[in-house]
C-alpha atoms as a PDB file:
ATOM      1  CA  UNK A   1       0.045  -0.179   0.058  1.00  0.00           C
ATOM      2  CA  UNK A   2       1.367   3.475  -0.963  1.00  0.00           C
ATOM      3  CA  UNK A   3       1.051   6.165   1.520  1.00  0.00           C
ATOM      4  CA  UNK A   4       2.310   9.782   1.144  1.00  0.00           C
ATOM      5  CA  UNK A   5       5.163   8.940   3.481  1.00  0.00           C
ATOM      6  CA  UNK A   6       6.500   6.256   1.186  1.00  0.00           C
ATOM      7  CA  UNK A   7       6.343   8.907  -1.640  1.00  0.00           C
ATOM      8  CA  UNK A   8       8.481  11.095   0.141  1.00  0.00           C
ATOM      9  CA  UNK A   9      11.039   8.539   1.595  1.00  0.00           C
ATOM     10  CA  UNK A  10      11.018   6.448  -1.524  1.00  0.00           C
ATOM     11  CA  UNK A  11      13.949   6.399  -3.871  1.00  0.00           C
ATOM     12  CA  UNK A  12      13.976   7.019  -7.729  1.00  0.00           C
ATOM     13  CA  UNK A  13      15.704   4.487  -9.815  1.00  0.00           C
ATOM     14  CA  UNK A  14      17.941   5.966 -12.415  1.00  0.00           C
ATOM     15  CA  UNK A  15      19.361   3.660 -15.033  1.00  0.00           C
ATOM     16  CA  UNK A  16      20.630   3.607 -18.652  1.00  0.00           C
ATOM     17  CA  UNK A  17      21.443   6.841 -20.246  1.00  0.00           C
ATOM     18  CA  UNK A  18      20.079   8.908 -17.410  1.00  0.00           C
ATOM     19  CA  UNK A  19      23.005   8.235 -15.221  1.00  0.00           C
ATOM     20  CA  UNK A  20      25.322   9.897 -17.634  1.00  0.00           C
ATOM     21  CA  UNK A  21      22.702  12.578 -18.249  1.00  0.00           C
ATOM     22  CA  UNK A  22      22.416  13.547 -14.627  1.00  0.00           C
ATOM     23  CA  UNK A  23      25.870  14.466 -14.564  1.00  0.00           C
ATOM     24  CA  UNK A  24      25.531  17.407 -16.670  1.00  0.00           C
ATOM     25  CA  UNK A  25      23.195  19.695 -14.302  1.00  0.00           C
ATOM     26  CA  UNK A  26      24.976  18.473 -11.241  1.00  0.00           C
ATOM     27  CA  UNK A  27      28.256  19.766 -12.591  1.00  0.00           C
ATOM     28  CA  UNK A  28      26.757  22.901 -13.760  1.00  0.00           C
ATOM     29  CA  UNK A  29      25.451  23.694 -10.131  1.00  0.00           C
ATOM     30  CA  UNK A  30      28.738  22.951  -8.754  1.00  0.00           C
ATOM     31  CA  UNK A  31      30.533  25.163 -11.281  1.00  0.00           C
ATOM     32  CA  UNK A  32      28.156  28.087 -10.880  1.00  0.00           C
ATOM     33  CA  UNK A  33      28.404  27.693  -6.897  1.00  0.00           C
ATOM     34  CA  UNK A  34      32.236  27.570  -7.052  1.00  0.00           C
ATOM     35  CA  UNK A  35      32.864  30.386  -9.671  1.00  0.00           C
ATOM     36  CA  UNK A  36      30.347  32.720  -7.878  1.00  0.00           C
ATOM     37  CA  UNK A  37      32.370  32.456  -4.609  1.00  0.00           C
ATOM     38  CA  UNK A  38      35.693  32.940  -6.489  1.00  0.00           C
ATOM     39  CA  UNK A  39      35.226  35.650  -9.208  1.00  0.00           C
ATOM     40  CA  UNK A  40      35.692  39.079  -8.247  1.00  0.00           C
ATOM     41  CA  UNK A  41      33.494  40.792 -10.853  1.00  0.00           C
ATOM     42  CA  UNK A  42      30.097  39.586 -12.130  1.00  0.00           C
ATOM     43  CA  UNK A  43      31.085  39.861 -15.520  1.00  0.00           C
ATOM     44  CA  UNK A  44      33.563  37.090 -15.287  1.00  0.00           C
ATOM     45  CA  UNK A  45      31.178  34.364 -13.863  1.00  0.00           C
ATOM     46  CA  UNK A  46      29.456  33.104 -17.209  1.00  0.00           C
ATOM     47  CA  UNK A  47      32.878  32.525 -18.902  1.00  0.00           C
ATOM     48  CA  UNK A  48      34.399  31.010 -15.720  1.00  0.00           C
ATOM     49  CA  UNK A  49      31.465  28.889 -15.166  1.00  0.00           C
ATOM     50  CA  UNK A  50      31.298  27.468 -18.728  1.00  0.00           C
ATOM     51  CA  UNK A  51      35.130  26.640 -18.677  1.00  0.00           C
ATOM     52  CA  UNK A  52      34.982  24.921 -15.260  1.00  0.00           C
ATOM     53  CA  UNK A  53      31.608  23.070 -16.216  1.00  0.00           C
ATOM     54  CA  UNK A  54      33.242  21.663 -19.429  1.00  0.00           C
ATOM     55  CA  UNK A  55      36.428  20.602 -17.699  1.00  0.00           C
ATOM     56  CA  UNK A  56      34.404  18.802 -14.960  1.00  0.00           C
ATOM     57  CA  UNK A  57      32.248  16.975 -17.578  1.00  0.00           C
ATOM     58  CA  UNK A  58      34.865  16.065 -19.805  1.00  0.00           C
ATOM     59  CA  UNK A  59      37.169  14.811 -16.747  1.00  0.00           C
ATOM     60  CA  UNK A  60      34.357  12.774 -15.231  1.00  0.00           C
ATOM     61  CA  UNK A  61      33.551  11.232 -18.563  1.00  0.00           C
ATOM     62  CA  UNK A  62      37.389  10.432 -18.889  1.00  0.00           C
ATOM     63  CA  UNK A  63      37.515   8.873 -15.554  1.00  0.00           C
ATOM     64  CA  UNK A  64      34.407   6.871 -16.365  1.00  0.00           C
ATOM     65  CA  UNK A  65      35.968   5.833 -19.766  1.00  0.00           C
ATOM     66  CA  UNK A  66      39.264   4.801 -18.064  1.00  0.00           C
ATOM     67  CA  UNK A  67      37.475   2.836 -15.223  1.00  0.00           C
ATOM     68  CA  UNK A  68      35.386   0.960 -17.862  1.00  0.00           C
ATOM     69  CA  UNK A  69      38.766   0.217 -20.014  1.00  0.00           C
ATOM     70  CA  UNK A  70      40.258  -1.121 -16.684  1.00  0.00           C
ATOM     71  CA  UNK A  71      37.217  -3.453 -16.067  1.00  0.00           C
ATOM     72  CA  UNK A  72      37.386  -4.701 -19.765  1.00  0.00           C
ATOM     73  CA  UNK A  73      41.020  -5.515 -19.517  1.00  0.00           C
ATOM     74  CA  UNK A  74      41.083  -7.005 -16.303  1.00  0.00           C
ATOM     75  CA  UNK A  75      37.503  -8.914 -16.236  1.00  0.00           C
ATOM     76  CA  UNK A  76      36.469  -9.608 -19.812  1.00  0.00           C
ATOM     77  CA  UNK A  77      39.859 -10.231 -21.372  1.00  0.00           C
ATOM     78  CA  UNK A  78      41.078 -12.294 -18.480  1.00  0.00           C
ATOM     79  CA  UNK A  79      43.141 -15.274 -19.426  1.00  0.00           C
ATOM     80  CA  UNK A  80      41.240 -17.457 -16.848  1.00  0.00           C
ATOM     81  CA  UNK A  81      37.887 -16.747 -18.271  1.00  0.00           C
END
């Protein structure tokens, strides 16, 4: 039976492409907050946020690709398999 409390305390299952897609708004919000506290003039914020946001997203995708490559090499191509 579903109660209002279950809707609040329940969790949302995120799978497939949505795992990768949810990184984009998360990293954008982190970049906005970080650069807002670091920039001395308001005019600097949009370009600084864009640069940091692209760096975060590309860095996280690179880390994910490297982890996947290590997994493929160690598990999928293992000689004992």
